[in-house]
């Protein structure tokens, strides 16, 4: 079996997470507070986001959030690839 390239898989997860973050920020900028609360309450099975939603986030916090999300996603992807590669070496194939 083929192993997963750890850096590339981490990069894929990191970029995906960052794009989701940017998409979330876009929704927050365009939908208005009530629209955002409705959207996220529906998306997360009725969890009420109204109390924790903050619409006055400075731009530098958004940039920091994108960077942190990318790093966290990269680490998650690299961990998944590493565990997969280790399990392929030690486990039975097929």
Foldseek 3Di string as FASTA:
>chain_A
DDADDLQVQLQVQLVVQLVVLVVLLVCLVPLDLVRNQVVVCVVPVNDGCSVVDDSPDDPVVSVVVSVVRSVVRSVVRSVVRVVVVVCVVVDDDD
